[in-house]
Amino acid sequence: MQEGDGGEEAGDEDESERSPSVESFMMHYLEESMLWPIVIVVIGHAVALASFTLLLAVRERRLSAMAATGLLLYASFLGVRWEYRRHGNLKAITWLLVITWLLSGLTAYLGHSYKIL
C-alpha cells in the first residue's frame, strides 16, 4: 500500500507541474526580456486607471471613485500578502505594485497641478 501512496503523491506533483499557476504566468513575462514591452503597457494602463480614480476620489469626492480606489488598494494588498506568504519576502510582484502606485500618484498630482487631467 505504501507504493500506491507514493504513486499518488508523484501523480499530484506531475499534475501541479502541468497546470500553470498565476505566478508562473506572470513570472514568464518578467523573466523574458522580449516580453517586457507588454509588461510596460500593462503597467501604463494600470497607472492611467489608478490615477483617474485617485483624481476623482480626492478632487471630485465621488463615492464610486473612492470605492474603486479602495478596491484597487485592497487587491494590491492581497497581492503583496500572497507573495510574502508564498516566498517569505517581497519580490518582483510587490515592487511592480509599488512602482504602479507611485506612478499613479505622481500622474494624478501632476495632472491636477498642470490642469491636464
PDB file of N, CA and C in Angstrom:
ATOM      1  N   MET A   1       0.808  -1.195   0.000  1.00  0.00           N
ATOM      2  CA  MET A   1       0.000   0.000   0.000  1.00  0.00           C
ATOM      3  C   MET A   1       0.850   1.257   0.000  1.00  0.00           C
ATOM      4  N   GLN A   2       2.024   1.149   0.500  1.00  0.00           N
ATOM      5  CA  GLN A   2       2.891   2.316   0.517  1.00  0.00           C
ATOM      6  C   GLN A   2       3.283   2.720  -0.891  1.00  0.00           C
ATOM      7  N   GLU A   3       3.391   1.733  -1.790  1.00  0.00           N
ATOM      8  CA  GLU A   3       3.740   2.061  -3.162  1.00  0.00           C
ATOM      9  C   GLU A   3       2.620   2.865  -3.816  1.00  0.00           C
ATOM     10  N   GLY A   4       1.387   2.522  -3.499  1.00  0.00           N
ATOM     11  CA  GLY A   4       0.242   3.251  -4.058  1.00  0.00           C
ATOM     12  C   GLY A   4       0.216   4.683  -3.554  1.00  0.00           C
ATOM     13  N   ASP A   5       0.556   4.874  -2.257  1.00  0.00           N
ATOM     14  CA  ASP A   5       0.570   6.230  -1.720  1.00  0.00           C
ATOM     15  C   ASP A   5       1.647   7.062  -2.393  1.00  0.00           C
ATOM     16  N   GLY A   6       2.812   6.447  -2.625  1.00  0.00           N
ATOM     17  CA  GLY A   6       3.895   7.172  -3.284  1.00  0.00           C
ATOM     18  C   GLY A   6       3.534   7.512  -4.713  1.00  0.00           C
ATOM     19  N   GLY A   7       2.825   6.617  -5.368  1.00  0.00           N
ATOM     20  CA  GLY A   7       2.401   6.874  -6.742  1.00  0.00           C
ATOM     21  C   GLY A   7       1.405   8.014  -6.819  1.00  0.00           C
ATOM     22  N   GLU A   8       0.523   8.096  -5.832  1.00  0.00           N
ATOM     23  CA  GLU A   8      -0.438   9.183  -5.820  1.00  0.00           C
ATOM     24  C   GLU A   8       0.264  10.519  -5.603  1.00  0.00           C
ATOM     25  N   GLU A   9       1.260  10.543  -4.725  1.00  0.00           N
ATOM     26  CA  GLU A   9       1.982  11.783  -4.484  1.00  0.00           C
ATOM     27  C   GLU A   9       2.718  12.215  -5.742  1.00  0.00           C
ATOM     28  N   ALA A  10       3.327  11.262  -6.429  1.00  0.00           N
ATOM     29  CA  ALA A  10       4.028  11.601  -7.665  1.00  0.00           C
ATOM     30  C   ALA A  10       3.036  12.090  -8.712  1.00  0.00           C
ATOM     31  N   GLY A  11       1.852  11.516  -8.742  1.00  0.00           N
ATOM     32  CA  GLY A  11       0.827  11.965  -9.671  1.00  0.00           C
ATOM     33  C   GLY A  11       0.375  13.387  -9.360  1.00  0.00           C
ATOM     34  N   ASP A  12       0.270  13.715  -8.062  1.00  0.00           N
ATOM     35  CA  ASP A  12      -0.090  15.068  -7.669  1.00  0.00           C
ATOM     36  C   ASP A  12       0.982  16.066  -8.087  1.00  0.00           C
ATOM     37  N   GLU A  13       2.244  15.677  -7.961  1.00  0.00           N
ATOM     38  CA  GLU A  13       3.327  16.571  -8.348  1.00  0.00           C
ATOM     39  C   GLU A  13       3.312  16.803  -9.854  1.00  0.00           C
ATOM     40  N   ASP A  14       3.082  15.736 -10.625  1.00  0.00           N
ATOM     41  CA  ASP A  14       3.031  15.887 -12.074  1.00  0.00           C
ATOM     42  C   ASP A  14       1.878  16.792 -12.483  1.00  0.00           C
ATOM     43  N   GLU A  15       0.746  16.643 -11.802  1.00  0.00           N
ATOM     44  CA  GLU A  15      -0.419  17.451 -12.123  1.00  0.00           C
ATOM     45  C   GLU A  15      -0.168  18.912 -11.799  1.00  0.00           C
ATOM     46  N   SER A  16       0.509  19.192 -10.666  1.00  0.00           N
ATOM     47  CA  SER A  16       0.784  20.580 -10.302  1.00  0.00           C
ATOM     48  C   SER A  16       1.821  21.193 -11.236  1.00  0.00           C
ATOM     49  N   GLU A  17       2.725  20.391 -11.781  1.00  0.00           N
ATOM     50  CA  GLU A  17       3.699  20.917 -12.727  1.00  0.00           C
ATOM     51  C   GLU A  17       3.039  21.227 -14.067  1.00  0.00           C
ATOM     52  N   ARG A  18       2.043  20.460 -14.435  1.00  0.00           N
ATOM     53  CA  ARG A  18       1.374  20.664 -15.719  1.00  0.00           C
ATOM     54  C   ARG A  18       0.439  21.865 -15.691  1.00  0.00           C
ATOM     55  N   SER A  19      -0.241  22.085 -14.585  1.00  0.00           N
ATOM     56  CA  SER A  19      -1.202  23.178 -14.525  1.00  0.00           C
ATOM     57  C   SER A  19      -0.465  24.491 -14.231  1.00  0.00           C
ATOM     58  N   PRO A  20      -0.615  25.466 -15.109  1.00  0.00           N
ATOM     59  CA  PRO A  20       0.091  26.738 -14.897  1.00  0.00           C
ATOM     60  C   PRO A  20      -0.558  27.528 -13.766  1.00  0.00           C
ATOM     61  N   SER A  21       0.264  28.147 -12.970  1.00  0.00           N
ATOM     62  CA  SER A  21      -0.245  28.983 -11.893  1.00  0.00           C
ATOM     63  C   SER A  21      -0.158  30.443 -12.323  1.00  0.00           C
ATOM     64  N   VAL A  22      -0.804  31.294 -11.566  1.00  0.00           N
ATOM     65  CA  VAL A  22      -0.760  32.727 -11.854  1.00  0.00           C
ATOM     66  C   VAL A  22       0.675  33.228 -11.738  1.00  0.00           C
ATOM     67  N   GLU A  23       1.381  32.719 -10.736  1.00  0.00           N
ATOM     68  CA  GLU A  23       2.764  33.145 -10.539  1.00  0.00           C
ATOM     69  C   GLU A  23       3.639  32.773 -11.727  1.00  0.00           C
ATOM     70  N   SER A  24       3.532  31.552 -12.211  1.00  0.00           N
ATOM     71  CA  SER A  24       4.357  31.148 -13.352  1.00  0.00           C
ATOM     72  C   SER A  24       3.980  31.941 -14.597  1.00  0.00           C
ATOM     73  N   PHE A  25       2.696  32.266 -14.744  1.00  0.00           N
ATOM     74  CA  PHE A  25       2.251  33.060 -15.882  1.00  0.00           C
ATOM     75  C   PHE A  25       2.853  34.462 -15.822  1.00  0.00           C
ATOM     76  N   MET A  26       2.798  35.092 -14.648  1.00  0.00           N
ATOM     77  CA  MET A  26       3.328  36.438 -14.503  1.00  0.00           C
ATOM     78  C   MET A  26       4.844  36.461 -14.578  1.00  0.00           C
ATOM     79  N   MET A  27       5.493  35.502 -13.954  1.00  0.00           N
ATOM     80  CA  MET A  27       6.946  35.480 -13.956  1.00  0.00           C
ATOM     81  C   MET A  27       7.497  35.214 -15.348  1.00  0.00           C
ATOM     82  N   HIS A  28       6.734  34.536 -16.186  1.00  0.00           N
ATOM     83  CA  HIS A  28       7.160  34.317 -17.565  1.00  0.00           C
ATOM     84  C   HIS A  28       7.361  35.660 -18.264  1.00  0.00           C
ATOM     85  N   TYR A  29       6.462  36.607 -18.026  1.00  0.00           N
ATOM     86  CA  TYR A  29       6.571  37.924 -18.628  1.00  0.00           C
ATOM     87  C   TYR A  29       7.693  38.748 -18.013  1.00  0.00           C
ATOM     88  N   LEU A  30       7.994  38.530 -16.749  1.00  0.00           N
ATOM     89  CA  LEU A  30       9.042  39.305 -16.093  1.00  0.00           C
ATOM     90  C   LEU A  30      10.436  38.757 -16.361  1.00  0.00           C
ATOM     91  N   GLU A  31      10.547  37.460 -16.577  1.00  0.00           N
ATOM     92  CA  GLU A  31      11.852  36.849 -16.802  1.00  0.00           C
ATOM     93  C   GLU A  31      12.301  36.945 -18.254  1.00  0.00           C
ATOM     94  N   GLU A  32      11.378  36.961 -19.173  1.00  0.00           N
ATOM     95  CA  GLU A  32      11.712  37.003 -20.596  1.00  0.00           C
ATOM     96  C   GLU A  32      11.790  38.467 -21.048  1.00  0.00           C
ATOM     97  N   SER A  33      12.984  38.928 -21.388  1.00  0.00           N
ATOM     98  CA  SER A  33      13.170  40.345 -21.719  1.00  0.00           C
ATOM     99  C   SER A  33      12.432  40.756 -22.992  1.00  0.00           C
ATOM    100  N   MET A  34      12.144  39.826 -23.858  1.00  0.00           N
ATOM    101  CA  MET A  34      11.404  40.160 -25.075  1.00  0.00           C
ATOM    102  C   MET A  34       9.947  40.536 -24.764  1.00  0.00           C
ATOM    103  N   LEU A  35       9.444  40.141 -23.597  1.00  0.00           N
ATOM    104  CA  LEU A  35       8.061  40.417 -23.218  1.00  0.00           C
ATOM    105  C   LEU A  35       7.922  41.645 -22.321  1.00  0.00           C
ATOM    106  N   TRP A  36       9.023  42.307 -21.997  1.00  0.00           N
ATOM    107  CA  TRP A  36       8.958  43.487 -21.131  1.00  0.00           C
ATOM    108  C   TRP A  36       8.119  44.611 -21.710  1.00  0.00           C
ATOM    109  N   PRO A  37       8.092  44.828 -23.022  1.00  0.00           N
ATOM    110  CA  PRO A  37       7.182  45.873 -23.533  1.00  0.00           C
ATOM    111  C   PRO A  37       5.720  45.608 -23.184  1.00  0.00           C
ATOM    112  N   ILE A  38       5.328  44.362 -23.142  1.00  0.00           N
ATOM    113  CA  ILE A  38       3.957  44.037 -22.749  1.00  0.00           C
ATOM    114  C   ILE A  38       3.725  44.412 -21.293  1.00  0.00           C
ATOM    115  N   VAL A  39       4.697  44.126 -20.439  1.00  0.00           N
ATOM    116  CA  VAL A  39       4.595  44.473 -19.017  1.00  0.00           C
ATOM    117  C   VAL A  39       4.496  45.993 -18.861  1.00  0.00           C
ATOM    118  N   ILE A  40       5.285  46.731 -19.632  1.00  0.00           N
ATOM    119  CA  ILE A  40       5.264  48.192 -19.554  1.00  0.00           C
ATOM    120  C   ILE A  40       3.898  48.737 -19.985  1.00  0.00           C
ATOM    121  N   VAL A  41       3.313  48.179 -21.022  1.00  0.00           N
ATOM    122  CA  VAL A  41       1.997  48.630 -21.481  1.00  0.00           C
ATOM    123  C   VAL A  41       0.928  48.314 -20.431  1.00  0.00           C
ATOM    124  N   VAL A  42       0.986  47.146 -19.833  1.00  0.00           N
ATOM    125  CA  VAL A  42       0.012  46.784 -18.794  1.00  0.00           C
ATOM    126  C   VAL A  42       0.153  47.713 -17.591  1.00  0.00           C
ATOM    127  N   ILE A  43       1.387  48.009 -17.185  1.00  0.00           N
ATOM    128  CA  ILE A  43       1.599  48.933 -16.067  1.00  0.00           C
ATOM    129  C   ILE A  43       1.103  50.326 -16.435  1.00  0.00           C
ATOM    130  N   GLY A  44       1.336  50.748 -17.672  1.00  0.00           N
ATOM    131  CA  GLY A  44       0.835  52.052 -18.105  1.00  0.00           C
ATOM    132  C   GLY A  44      -0.683  52.149 -18.036  1.00  0.00           C
ATOM    133  N   HIS A  45      -1.364  51.098 -18.423  1.00  0.00           N
ATOM    134  CA  HIS A  45      -2.822  51.093 -18.311  1.00  0.00           C
ATOM    135  C   HIS A  45      -3.269  51.113 -16.850  1.00  0.00           C
ATOM    136  N   ALA A  46      -2.576  50.370 -16.018  1.00  0.00           N
ATOM    137  CA  ALA A  46      -2.908  50.365 -14.587  1.00  0.00           C
ATOM    138  C   ALA A  46      -2.669  51.739 -13.971  1.00  0.00           C
ATOM    139  N   VAL A  47      -1.601  52.411 -14.366  1.00  0.00           N
ATOM    140  CA  VAL A  47      -1.314  53.764 -13.873  1.00  0.00           C
ATOM    141  C   VAL A  47      -2.418  54.725 -14.308  1.00  0.00           C
ATOM    142  N   ALA A  48      -2.848  54.631 -15.557  1.00  0.00           N
ATOM    143  CA  ALA A  48      -3.918  55.511 -16.041  1.00  0.00           C
ATOM    144  C   ALA A  48      -5.207  55.279 -15.253  1.00  0.00           C
ATOM    145  N   LEU A  49      -5.569  54.036 -15.051  1.00  0.00           N
ATOM    146  CA  LEU A  49      -6.785  53.720 -14.297  1.00  0.00           C
ATOM    147  C   LEU A  49      -6.693  54.226 -12.860  1.00  0.00           C
ATOM    148  N   ALA A  50      -5.594  53.918 -12.198  1.00  0.00           N
ATOM    149  CA  ALA A  50      -5.448  54.307 -10.792  1.00  0.00           C
ATOM    150  C   ALA A  50      -5.354  55.818 -10.635  1.00  0.00           C
ATOM    151  N   SER A  51      -4.674  56.506 -11.555  1.00  0.00           N
ATOM    152  CA  SER A  51      -4.556  57.962 -11.413  1.00  0.00           C
ATOM    153  C   SER A  51      -5.907  58.649 -11.612  1.00  0.00           C
ATOM    154  N   PHE A  52      -6.706  58.164 -12.552  1.00  0.00           N
ATOM    155  CA  PHE A  52      -8.038  58.748 -12.725  1.00  0.00           C
ATOM    156  C   PHE A  52      -8.934  58.469 -11.524  1.00  0.00           C
ATOM    157  N   THR A  53      -8.862  57.286 -10.970  1.00  0.00           N
ATOM    158  CA  THR A  53      -9.684  57.005  -9.784  1.00  0.00           C
ATOM    159  C   THR A  53      -9.205  57.820  -8.593  1.00  0.00           C
ATOM    160  N   LEU A  54      -7.890  58.010  -8.474  1.00  0.00           N
ATOM    161  CA  LEU A  54      -7.375  58.856  -7.391  1.00  0.00           C
ATOM    162  C   LEU A  54      -7.855  60.293  -7.550  1.00  0.00           C
ATOM    163  N   LEU A  55      -7.778  60.813  -8.764  1.00  0.00           N
ATOM    164  CA  LEU A  55      -8.237  62.186  -9.003  1.00  0.00           C
ATOM    165  C   LEU A  55      -9.719  62.352  -8.708  1.00  0.00           C
ATOM    166  N   LEU A  56     -10.525  61.425  -9.200  1.00  0.00           N
ATOM    167  CA  LEU A  56     -11.963  61.523  -8.951  1.00  0.00           C
ATOM    168  C   LEU A  56     -12.290  61.339  -7.478  1.00  0.00           C
ATOM    169  N   ALA A  57     -11.537  60.509  -6.793  1.00  0.00           N
ATOM    170  CA  ALA A  57     -11.798  60.277  -5.368  1.00  0.00           C
ATOM    171  C   ALA A  57     -11.404  61.480  -4.518  1.00  0.00           C
ATOM    172  N   VAL A  58     -10.269  62.088  -4.823  1.00  0.00           N
ATOM    173  CA  VAL A  58      -9.765  63.180  -3.984  1.00  0.00           C
ATOM    174  C   VAL A  58     -10.330  64.531  -4.415  1.00  0.00           C
ATOM    175  N   ARG A  59     -10.265  64.816  -5.698  1.00  0.00           N
ATOM    176  CA  ARG A  59     -10.680  66.143  -6.175  1.00  0.00           C
ATOM    177  C   ARG A  59     -12.198  66.275  -6.265  1.00  0.00           C
ATOM    178  N   GLU A  60     -12.851  65.294  -6.870  1.00  0.00           N
ATOM    179  CA  GLU A  60     -14.289  65.362  -7.077  1.00  0.00           C
ATOM    180  C   GLU A  60     -15.083  64.758  -5.924  1.00  0.00           C
ATOM    181  N   ARG A  61     -14.423  63.978  -5.091  1.00  0.00           N
ATOM    182  CA  ARG A  61     -15.032  63.309  -3.927  1.00  0.00           C
ATOM    183  C   ARG A  61     -16.232  62.453  -4.307  1.00  0.00           C
ATOM    184  N   ARG A  62     -16.031  61.702  -5.374  1.00  0.00           N
ATOM    185  CA  ARG A  62     -17.088  60.794  -5.812  1.00  0.00           C
ATOM    186  C   ARG A  62     -16.984  59.487  -5.045  1.00  0.00           C
ATOM    187  N   LEU A  63     -18.120  59.035  -4.564  1.00  0.00           N
ATOM    188  CA  LEU A  63     -18.153  57.822  -3.766  1.00  0.00           C
ATOM    189  C   LEU A  63     -17.749  56.599  -4.579  1.00  0.00           C
ATOM    190  N   SER A  64     -18.163  56.551  -5.834  1.00  0.00           N
ATOM    191  CA  SER A  64     -17.812  55.411  -6.682  1.00  0.00           C
ATOM    192  C   SER A  64     -16.305  55.356  -6.925  1.00  0.00           C
ATOM    193  N   ALA A  65     -15.664  56.505  -7.093  1.00  0.00           N
ATOM    194  CA  ALA A  65     -14.214  56.539  -7.283  1.00  0.00           C
ATOM    195  C   ALA A  65     -13.489  56.153  -6.000  1.00  0.00           C
ATOM    196  N   MET A  66     -14.034  56.555  -4.867  1.00  0.00           N
ATOM    197  CA  MET A  66     -13.437  56.156  -3.588  1.00  0.00           C
ATOM    198  C   MET A  66     -13.523  54.644  -3.405  1.00  0.00           C
ATOM    199  N   ALA A  67     -14.656  54.087  -3.783  1.00  0.00           N
ATOM    200  CA  ALA A  67     -14.822  52.635  -3.692  1.00  0.00           C
ATOM    201  C   ALA A  67     -13.874  51.914  -4.651  1.00  0.00           C
ATOM    202  N   ALA A  68     -13.730  52.437  -5.866  1.00  0.00           N
ATOM    203  CA  ALA A  68     -12.824  51.828  -6.841  1.00  0.00           C
ATOM    204  C   ALA A  68     -11.373  51.914  -6.368  1.00  0.00           C
ATOM    205  N   THR A  69     -10.987  53.056  -5.807  1.00  0.00           N
ATOM    206  CA  THR A  69      -9.632  53.204  -5.281  1.00  0.00           C
ATOM    207  C   THR A  69      -9.405  52.246  -4.116  1.00  0.00           C
ATOM    208  N   GLY A  70     -10.378  52.143  -3.251  1.00  0.00           N
ATOM    209  CA  GLY A  70     -10.259  51.198  -2.138  1.00  0.00           C
ATOM    210  C   GLY A  70     -10.154  49.766  -2.619  1.00  0.00           C
ATOM    211  N   LEU A  71     -10.913  49.429  -3.641  1.00  0.00           N
ATOM    212  CA  LEU A  71     -10.859  48.082  -4.204  1.00  0.00           C
ATOM    213  C   LEU A  71      -9.493  47.802  -4.834  1.00  0.00           C
ATOM    214  N   LEU A  72      -8.953  48.773  -5.555  1.00  0.00           N
ATOM    215  CA  LEU A  72      -7.625  48.615  -6.148  1.00  0.00           C
ATOM    216  C   LEU A  72      -6.544  48.483  -5.072  1.00  0.00           C
ATOM    217  N   LEU A  73      -6.649  49.281  -4.020  1.00  0.00           N
ATOM    218  CA  LEU A  73      -5.688  49.181  -2.915  1.00  0.00           C
ATOM    219  C   LEU A  73      -5.794  47.830  -2.212  1.00  0.00           C
ATOM    220  N   TYR A  74      -7.009  47.356  -2.025  1.00  0.00           N
ATOM    221  CA  TYR A  74      -7.203  46.057  -1.383  1.00  0.00           C
ATOM    222  C   TYR A  74      -6.647  44.929  -2.249  1.00  0.00           C
ATOM    223  N   ALA A  75      -6.865  45.009  -3.563  1.00  0.00           N
ATOM    224  CA  ALA A  75      -6.316  43.996  -4.466  1.00  0.00           C
ATOM    225  C   ALA A  75      -4.787  44.024  -4.435  1.00  0.00           C
ATOM    226  N   SER A  76      -4.199  45.210  -4.351  1.00  0.00           N
ATOM    227  CA  SER A  76      -2.746  45.327  -4.247  1.00  0.00           C
ATOM    228  C   SER A  76      -2.251  44.718  -2.935  1.00  0.00           C
ATOM    229  N   PHE A  77      -2.980  44.983  -1.848  1.00  0.00           N
ATOM    230  CA  PHE A  77      -2.618  44.409  -0.562  1.00  0.00           C
ATOM    231  C   PHE A  77      -2.676  42.885  -0.610  1.00  0.00           C
ATOM    232  N   LEU A  78      -3.701  42.333  -1.255  1.00  0.00           N
ATOM    233  CA  LEU A  78      -3.808  40.878  -1.372  1.00  0.00           C
ATOM    234  C   LEU A  78      -2.635  40.299  -2.169  1.00  0.00           C
ATOM    235  N   GLY A  79      -2.214  40.996  -3.210  1.00  0.00           N
ATOM    236  CA  GLY A  79      -1.074  40.537  -3.993  1.00  0.00           C
ATOM    237  C   GLY A  79       0.209  40.537  -3.190  1.00  0.00           C
ATOM    238  N   VAL A  80       0.427  41.593  -2.413  1.00  0.00           N
ATOM    239  CA  VAL A  80       1.630  41.677  -1.577  1.00  0.00           C
ATOM    240  C   VAL A  80       1.591  40.608  -0.496  1.00  0.00           C
ATOM    241  N   ARG A  81       0.439  40.426   0.123  1.00  0.00           N
ATOM    242  CA  ARG A  81       0.311  39.422   1.183  1.00  0.00           C
ATOM    243  C   ARG A  81       0.529  38.016   0.635  1.00  0.00           C
ATOM    244  N   TRP A  82      -0.023  37.741  -0.546  1.00  0.00           N
ATOM    245  CA  TRP A  82       0.157  36.428  -1.164  1.00  0.00           C
ATOM    246  C   TRP A  82       1.628  36.165  -1.452  1.00  0.00           C
ATOM    247  N   GLU A  83       2.309  37.163  -2.014  1.00  0.00           N
ATOM    248  CA  GLU A  83       3.719  36.967  -2.342  1.00  0.00           C
ATOM    249  C   GLU A  83       4.560  36.776  -1.086  1.00  0.00           C
ATOM    250  N   TYR A  84       4.259  37.518  -0.017  1.00  0.00           N
ATOM    251  CA  TYR A  84       5.021  37.371   1.219  1.00  0.00           C
ATOM    252  C   TYR A  84       4.787  36.003   1.851  1.00  0.00           C
ATOM    253  N   ARG A  85       3.549  35.537   1.818  1.00  0.00           N
ATOM    254  CA  ARG A  85       3.262  34.205   2.367  1.00  0.00           C
ATOM    255  C   ARG A  85       3.899  33.102   1.529  1.00  0.00           C
ATOM    256  N   ARG A  86       3.923  33.297   0.232  1.00  0.00           N
ATOM    257  CA  ARG A  86       4.454  32.270  -0.665  1.00  0.00           C
ATOM    258  C   ARG A  86       5.977  32.175  -0.589  1.00  0.00           C
ATOM    259  N   HIS A  87       6.667  33.313  -0.581  1.00  0.00           N
ATOM    260  CA  HIS A  87       8.123  33.326  -0.666  1.00  0.00           C
ATOM    261  C   HIS A  87       8.814  33.737   0.634  1.00  0.00           C
ATOM    262  N   GLY A  88       8.100  34.325   1.558  1.00  0.00           N
ATOM    263  CA  GLY A  88       8.711  34.755   2.810  1.00  0.00           C
ATOM    264  C   GLY A  88       9.381  36.115   2.712  1.00  0.00           C
ATOM    265  N   ASN A  89       9.389  36.711   1.555  1.00  0.00           N
ATOM    266  CA  ASN A  89       9.906  38.069   1.378  1.00  0.00           C
ATOM    267  C   ASN A  89       9.194  38.708   0.187  1.00  0.00           C
ATOM    268  N   LEU A  90       9.478  39.977  -0.013  1.00  0.00           N
ATOM    269  CA  LEU A  90       8.816  40.701  -1.092  1.00  0.00           C
ATOM    270  C   LEU A  90       9.681  40.650  -2.340  1.00  0.00           C
ATOM    271  N   LYS A  91       9.054  40.306  -3.454  1.00  0.00           N
ATOM    272  CA  LYS A  91       9.794  40.127  -4.699  1.00  0.00           C
ATOM    273  C   LYS A  91       9.228  41.003  -5.798  1.00  0.00           C
ATOM    274  N   ALA A  92       9.312  40.558  -7.023  1.00  0.00           N
ATOM    275  CA  ALA A  92       9.014  41.360  -8.209  1.00  0.00           C
ATOM    276  C   ALA A  92       7.579  41.875  -8.250  1.00  0.00           C
ATOM    277  N   ILE A  93       6.624  41.076  -7.871  1.00  0.00           N
ATOM    278  CA  ILE A  93       5.223  41.497  -7.958  1.00  0.00           C
ATOM    279  C   ILE A  93       4.962  42.669  -7.024  1.00  0.00           C
ATOM    280  N   THR A  94       5.521  42.619  -5.833  1.00  0.00           N
ATOM    281  CA  THR A  94       5.359  43.715  -4.885  1.00  0.00           C
ATOM    282  C   THR A  94       5.990  44.989  -5.420  1.00  0.00           C
ATOM    283  N   TRP A  95       7.179  44.864  -5.973  1.00  0.00           N
ATOM    284  CA  TRP A  95       7.851  46.058  -6.497  1.00  0.00           C
ATOM    285  C   TRP A  95       7.100  46.634  -7.690  1.00  0.00           C
ATOM    286  N   LEU A  96       6.523  45.798  -8.511  1.00  0.00           N
ATOM    287  CA  LEU A  96       5.707  46.308  -9.617  1.00  0.00           C
ATOM    288  C   LEU A  96       4.471  47.050  -9.107  1.00  0.00           C
ATOM    289  N   LEU A  97       3.867  46.537  -8.048  1.00  0.00           N
ATOM    290  CA  LEU A  97       2.713  47.220  -7.463  1.00  0.00           C
ATOM    291  C   LEU A  97       3.121  48.557  -6.853  1.00  0.00           C
ATOM    292  N   VAL A  98       4.252  48.593  -6.167  1.00  0.00           N
ATOM    293  CA  VAL A  98       4.729  49.845  -5.567  1.00  0.00           C
ATOM    294  C   VAL A  98       5.026  50.870  -6.664  1.00  0.00           C
ATOM    295  N   ILE A  99       5.703  50.458  -7.703  1.00  0.00           N
ATOM    296  CA  ILE A  99       6.015  51.363  -8.813  1.00  0.00           C
ATOM    297  C   ILE A  99       4.732  51.866  -9.468  1.00  0.00           C
ATOM    298  N   THR A 100       3.764  50.982  -9.642  1.00  0.00           N
ATOM    299  CA  THR A 100       2.494  51.373 -10.251  1.00  0.00           C
ATOM    300  C   THR A 100       1.781  52.420  -9.410  1.00  0.00           C
ATOM    301  N   TRP A 101       1.734  52.227  -8.095  1.00  0.00           N
ATOM    302  CA  TRP A 101       1.050  53.192  -7.236  1.00  0.00           C
ATOM    303  C   TRP A 101       1.801  54.515  -7.150  1.00  0.00           C
ATOM    304  N   LEU A 102       3.134  54.457  -7.130  1.00  0.00           N
ATOM    305  CA  LEU A 102       3.904  55.701  -7.114  1.00  0.00           C
ATOM    306  C   LEU A 102       3.693  56.498  -8.400  1.00  0.00           C
ATOM    307  N   LEU A 103       3.744  55.823  -9.537  1.00  0.00           N
ATOM    308  CA  LEU A 103       3.499  56.497 -10.807  1.00  0.00           C
ATOM    309  C   LEU A 103       2.072  57.013 -10.902  1.00  0.00           C
ATOM    310  N   SER A 104       1.122  56.283 -10.329  1.00  0.00           N
ATOM    311  CA  SER A 104      -0.274  56.732 -10.341  1.00  0.00           C
ATOM    312  C   SER A 104      -0.446  58.003  -9.517  1.00  0.00           C
ATOM    313  N   GLY A 105       0.147  58.016  -8.346  1.00  0.00           N
ATOM    314  CA  GLY A 105       0.069  59.211  -7.504  1.00  0.00           C
ATOM    315  C   GLY A 105       0.756  60.401  -8.146  1.00  0.00           C
ATOM    316  N   LEU A 106       1.920  60.173  -8.741  1.00  0.00           N
ATOM    317  CA  LEU A 106       2.638  61.249  -9.422  1.00  0.00           C
ATOM    318  C   LEU A 106       1.852  61.767 -10.620  1.00  0.00           C
ATOM    319  N   THR A 107       1.269  60.869 -11.395  1.00  0.00           N
ATOM    320  CA  THR A 107       0.470  61.273 -12.553  1.00  0.00           C
ATOM    321  C   THR A 107      -0.760  62.060 -12.118  1.00  0.00           C
ATOM    322  N   ALA A 108      -1.420  61.612 -11.067  1.00  0.00           N
ATOM    323  CA  ALA A 108      -2.599  62.329 -10.572  1.00  0.00           C
ATOM    324  C   ALA A 108      -2.210  63.713 -10.055  1.00  0.00           C
ATOM    325  N   TYR A 109      -1.110  63.801  -9.334  1.00  0.00           N
ATOM    326  CA  TYR A 109      -0.664  65.094  -8.795  1.00  0.00           C
ATOM    327  C   TYR A 109      -0.292  66.057  -9.917  1.00  0.00           C
ATOM    328  N   LEU A 110       0.520  65.584 -10.870  1.00  0.00           N
ATOM    329  CA  LEU A 110       0.938  66.449 -11.971  1.00  0.00           C
ATOM    330  C   LEU A 110      -0.240  66.814 -12.878  1.00  0.00           C
ATOM    331  N   GLY A 111      -1.132  65.862 -13.105  1.00  0.00           N
ATOM    332  CA  GLY A 111      -2.316  66.162 -13.904  1.00  0.00           C
ATOM    333  C   GLY A 111      -3.202  67.205 -13.264  1.00  0.00           C
ATOM    334  N   HIS A 112      -3.309  67.173 -11.949  1.00  0.00           N
ATOM    335  CA  HIS A 112      -4.102  68.168 -11.238  1.00  0.00           C
ATOM    336  C   HIS A 112      -3.367  69.507 -11.186  1.00  0.00           C
ATOM    337  N   SER A 113      -2.078  69.479 -10.921  1.00  0.00           N
ATOM    338  CA  SER A 113      -1.293  70.722 -10.796  1.00  0.00           C
ATOM    339  C   SER A 113      -1.240  71.499 -12.103  1.00  0.00           C
ATOM    340  N   TYR A 114      -1.036  70.799 -13.206  1.00  0.00           N
ATOM    341  CA  TYR A 114      -0.922  71.451 -14.507  1.00  0.00           C
ATOM    342  C   TYR A 114      -2.240  71.499 -15.269  1.00  0.00           C
ATOM    343  N   LYS A 115      -3.320  71.139 -14.588  1.00  0.00           N
ATOM    344  CA  LYS A 115      -4.681  71.178 -15.159  1.00  0.00           C
ATOM    345  C   LYS A 115      -4.782  70.388 -16.463  1.00  0.00           C
ATOM    346  N   ILE A 116      -4.050  69.248 -16.514  1.00  0.00           N
ATOM    347  CA  ILE A 116      -4.108  68.375 -17.686  1.00  0.00           C
ATOM    348  C   ILE A 116      -5.268  67.398 -17.537  1.00  0.00           C
ATOM    349  N   LEU A 117      -5.441  66.893 -16.327  1.00  0.00           N
ATOM    350  CA  LEU A 117      -6.494  65.902 -16.076  1.00  0.00           C
ATOM    351  C   LEU A 117      -7.646  66.543 -15.311  1.00  0.00           C
TER     352      LEU A 117
END
